[in-house]
Structure formats: structure tokens, C-alpha cells
Amino acid sequence: MPHPIMFDDADPHLIRVREIALALPDTTEVVAHGRPTFRCGKMFGNYGGGEKGGPRHDQSLLFIPDPAERDALSADPRFFLPAYLGPYGWLGILLDDDADWTEVAELLDASYRQIAPKRSVAKLDG
């Protein structure tokens, strides 16, 4: 049974996340479990998610934080531990009208660099 679609293509936050993620070399978007995911071979971004045993955050971005930044990010109330992906080192950031898009781009960049093949990262740094 397919998962229900849990996003709206007209969502302005999704539009911004999509622009940032798809600007990274060799990135594709795949809808999985009803949500947009961003991949370069492996997944590095997921739009929307929920907290384990907690609320759903349809306007959020799930990403793989730089291990050196993870503790600091976890202490910030804008971030949450997502269900399913949290145990694998992922975090989520809540997106709203005050979102810092430079920060969102940096988080996606760091997440991408952890999973992307060397040749894709080389294109980014080229």
C-alpha cells in the first residue's frame, strides 16, 4: 500500500529547500514514505518528519549533521530528534517564516558532503 503524500508542492519552505538541495552536484529528488527526499546516491535530506512518539513537523528538514556540530545543534530548540532517522545520527530543523536560509544551506551542504561520492564533492569544490 503506498504511503499518503504528506507535502504540498506549493509550500514555500519546500520550494526553498528544493532549490538549495537540487543545486548540489548530481542530486536527485525522490518521494519516499510520502515525503520529498534529496539524494546523491544515498539520502542526505528529507523534507518533513516527526519526533519519535511526538508531533509531526511537515515544515522541517531532516539532515545528517556534521558530527562536530551535533551536540550544539541538539541544544538549540529549533532542532529535534526525528523518528526513524534519529538513531542513525540525523537531526531535524523546524522551518518557519524566520528560517535562516543561509544556515539551512550550510546544513544541507554538510549533510551532502557526508554521503556524496568524492567526484560529486569535487564538483562542489571545483
Protein backbone atom coordinates (compact mmCIF):
# COMPACT_ATOMS: atom_id res chain seq x y z
CA MET A 1 0.00 0.00 0.00
CA PRO A 2 1.55 3.36 -0.99
CA HIS A 3 2.26 6.00 1.62
CA PRO A 4 -0.01 9.06 1.54
CA ILE A 5 1.58 12.23 0.16
CA MET A 6 2.49 14.42 3.16
CA PHE A 7 3.60 17.60 1.39
CA ASP A 8 2.34 20.36 -0.89
CA ASP A 9 4.47 21.34 -3.92
CA ALA A 10 3.34 24.95 -3.38
CA ASP A 11 4.78 25.04 0.19
CA PRO A 12 7.22 27.99 0.08
CA HIS A 13 9.60 26.29 2.55
CA LEU A 14 9.73 23.15 0.38
CA ILE A 15 10.39 25.32 -2.70
CA ARG A 16 13.42 26.91 -0.94
CA VAL A 17 14.76 23.55 0.36
CA ARG A 18 14.33 22.05 -3.12
CA GLU A 19 16.26 24.95 -4.75
CA ILE A 20 19.14 24.58 -2.28
CA ALA A 21 19.32 20.78 -2.39
CA LEU A 22 18.99 20.39 -6.16
CA ALA A 23 21.75 22.98 -6.74
CA LEU A 24 24.23 20.48 -5.22
CA PRO A 25 26.02 18.37 -7.89
CA ASP A 26 24.40 15.10 -9.03
CA THR A 27 21.44 15.46 -6.66
CA THR A 28 18.05 13.91 -7.33
CA GLU A 29 14.70 14.22 -5.60
CA VAL A 30 12.74 11.05 -4.84
CA VAL A 31 9.42 10.87 -2.99
CA ALA A 32 9.75 8.18 -0.30
CA HIS A 33 7.32 7.38 2.51
CA GLY A 34 5.13 10.24 1.28
CA ARG A 35 7.84 12.92 1.56
CA PRO A 36 10.43 14.54 -0.74
CA THR A 37 13.94 13.20 -0.18
CA PHE A 38 17.16 14.52 -1.66
CA ARG A 39 19.91 12.11 -2.68
CA CYS A 40 23.31 11.88 -4.26
CA GLY A 41 23.33 8.09 -4.38
CA LYS A 42 22.42 7.99 -0.67
CA MET A 43 19.87 10.24 1.02
CA PHE A 44 21.15 13.47 2.62
CA GLY A 45 17.93 15.44 3.09
CA ASN A 46 14.29 14.70 3.87
CA TYR A 47 11.54 17.33 3.86
CA GLY A 48 9.25 16.87 6.84
CA GLY A 49 9.24 14.34 9.61
CA GLY A 50 8.09 13.65 13.11
CA GLU A 51 9.57 13.25 16.53
CA LYS A 52 9.57 9.74 17.93
CA GLY A 53 6.32 9.44 19.86
CA GLY A 54 5.74 13.14 19.27
CA PRO A 55 4.35 15.65 16.81
CA ARG A 56 4.69 15.66 13.04
CA HIS A 57 6.64 18.59 11.60
CA ASP A 58 5.55 18.91 7.99
CA GLN A 59 7.64 22.08 7.55
CA SER A 60 11.03 20.82 8.62
CA LEU A 61 14.22 19.48 7.13
CA LEU A 62 15.88 16.26 8.25
CA PHE A 63 19.64 16.12 7.62
CA ILE A 64 22.87 14.44 8.76
CA PRO A 65 24.73 16.98 10.91
CA ASP A 66 28.48 17.35 10.91
CA PRO A 67 29.47 15.17 13.91
CA ALA A 68 31.43 18.08 15.42
CA GLU A 69 28.27 20.26 15.38
CA ARG A 70 25.71 17.69 16.50
CA ASP A 71 25.74 18.43 20.26
CA ALA A 72 25.49 22.20 19.77
CA LEU A 73 22.62 21.80 17.30
CA SER A 74 20.81 19.36 19.60
CA ALA A 75 20.83 22.00 22.36
CA ASP A 76 19.04 24.53 20.09
CA PRO A 77 15.21 24.42 20.47
CA ARG A 78 14.72 24.72 16.68
CA PHE A 79 16.18 21.24 16.26
CA PHE A 80 14.60 17.89 17.06
CA LEU A 81 15.48 14.20 17.01
CA PRO A 82 13.46 12.67 14.17
CA ALA A 83 11.70 9.33 14.45
CA TYR A 84 13.31 6.52 12.40
CA LEU A 85 16.36 8.53 11.23
CA GLY A 86 17.39 9.97 14.62
CA PRO A 87 19.11 6.74 15.77
CA TYR A 88 21.28 6.93 12.61
CA GLY A 89 22.65 10.35 13.55
CA TRP A 90 20.09 12.53 11.79
CA LEU A 91 18.54 15.74 13.18
CA GLY A 92 15.59 17.85 12.08
CA ILE A 93 15.26 21.65 11.97
CA LEU A 94 11.89 23.36 12.15
CA LEU A 95 11.27 25.77 9.28
CA ASP A 96 9.09 28.84 9.62
CA ASP A 97 8.92 32.40 8.28
CA ASP A 98 12.01 33.29 10.35
CA ALA A 99 14.13 30.42 8.99
CA ASP A 100 17.77 31.32 8.34
CA TRP A 101 18.18 30.05 4.77
CA THR A 102 21.95 30.53 4.83
CA GLU A 103 22.05 28.16 7.81
CA VAL A 104 19.71 25.70 6.05
CA ALA A 105 22.03 25.73 3.01
CA GLU A 106 25.05 25.09 5.28
CA LEU A 107 23.27 22.16 6.99
CA LEU A 108 22.37 20.62 3.62
CA ASP A 109 25.93 21.16 2.37
CA ALA A 110 27.39 19.41 5.44
CA SER A 111 24.89 16.54 5.12
CA TYR A 112 25.63 16.16 1.39
CA ARG A 113 29.39 16.06 1.98
CA GLN A 114 29.00 13.10 4.36
CA ILE A 115 27.29 10.85 1.80
CA ALA A 116 28.22 12.13 -1.67
CA PRO A 117 30.86 10.36 -3.77
CA LYS A 118 34.25 12.12 -3.92
CA ARG A 119 33.69 13.09 -7.57
CA SER A 120 30.46 14.93 -6.68
CA VAL A 121 32.10 16.75 -3.76
CA ALA A 122 34.97 17.69 -6.12
CA LYS A 123 32.42 19.35 -8.46
CA LEU A 124 31.10 21.32 -5.48
CA ASP A 125 34.57 22.49 -4.51
CA GLY A 126 35.72 22.97 -8.13
